[in-house]
Amino acid sequence: MGGEPATTTWYTSSVAVAAARRMAAAGTVGDPACSMAAVGRPDPGLVPRSSRIGIGHHGGYWCLIR
């Protein structure tokens, strides 16, 4: 089968950081900017294996943008 293994490229996104700050300020999970939001570490099993992910966090809140 061969081929190159799938990879995910992570990068800090100012939009994701801002969304994480909004969630922390509101004390709730979920922001329209985020493809996935979490309190605590996001579940890696839910993150695509072959894509580019913008990530931001504030306190325990995380925002991932695909």
Protein backbone atom coordinates (compact mmCIF):
# COMPACT_ATOMS: atom_id res chain seq x y z
CA MET A 1 0.00 0.00 0.00
CA GLY A 2 2.82 2.45 0.89
CA GLY A 3 2.62 6.16 0.43
CA GLU A 4 3.36 8.92 2.86
CA PRO A 5 1.63 8.83 6.25
CA ALA A 6 -1.14 11.36 6.79
CA THR A 7 -0.09 14.37 8.81
CA THR A 8 -1.85 17.23 10.53
CA THR A 9 -0.14 20.61 10.53
CA TRP A 10 -0.88 22.66 13.66
CA TYR A 11 -0.39 26.41 13.79
CA THR A 12 -1.33 29.13 16.28
CA SER A 13 -4.25 31.11 14.95
CA SER A 14 -5.11 34.56 16.29
CA VAL A 15 -8.77 33.90 15.37
CA ALA A 16 -8.75 30.66 17.38
CA VAL A 17 -7.07 32.36 20.35
CA ALA A 18 -9.69 35.14 20.30
CA ALA A 19 -12.48 32.55 20.20
CA ALA A 20 -10.96 30.68 23.16
CA ARG A 21 -10.84 33.94 25.11
CA ARG A 22 -14.51 34.62 24.32
CA MET A 23 -15.48 31.13 25.51
CA ALA A 24 -13.45 31.55 28.71
CA ALA A 25 -15.06 34.94 29.39
CA ALA A 26 -18.54 33.48 28.83
CA GLY A 27 -17.75 30.28 30.73
CA THR A 28 -19.19 28.16 27.93
CA VAL A 29 -17.96 25.87 25.16
CA GLY A 30 -18.72 26.82 21.56
CA ASP A 31 -17.92 29.73 19.29
CA PRO A 32 -18.93 30.26 15.63
CA ALA A 33 -15.26 30.57 14.63
CA CYS A 34 -14.37 27.08 15.90
CA SER A 35 -14.73 23.82 13.99
CA MET A 36 -14.23 22.09 17.33
CA ALA A 37 -14.25 23.55 20.84
CA ALA A 38 -13.39 21.95 24.17
CA VAL A 39 -12.72 22.54 27.84
CA GLY A 40 -9.56 20.66 28.73
CA ARG A 41 -7.50 18.96 26.05
CA PRO A 42 -9.39 18.24 22.80
CA ASP A 43 -9.83 14.54 22.03
CA PRO A 44 -7.15 13.76 19.41
CA GLY A 45 -9.41 11.05 17.99
CA LEU A 46 -11.81 13.74 16.80
CA VAL A 47 -9.15 15.78 14.99
CA PRO A 48 -8.63 15.11 11.26
CA ARG A 49 -5.34 13.36 10.50
CA SER A 50 -4.64 15.03 7.18
CA SER A 51 -5.26 18.75 7.25
CA ARG A 52 -4.14 22.13 8.53
CA ILE A 53 -5.54 23.06 11.94
CA GLY A 54 -5.50 26.52 13.50
CA ILE A 55 -5.40 26.21 17.27
CA GLY A 56 -5.86 28.60 20.15
CA HIS A 57 -6.42 28.23 23.87
CA HIS A 58 -7.13 30.39 26.87
CA GLY A 59 -7.29 28.91 30.35
CA GLY A 60 -8.85 25.48 29.85
CA TYR A 61 -10.75 26.47 26.69
CA TRP A 62 -9.58 25.32 23.26
CA CYS A 63 -10.64 26.30 19.75
CA LEU A 64 -9.60 24.39 16.65
CA ILE A 65 -10.28 25.77 13.16
CA ARG A 66 -10.00 23.50 10.18
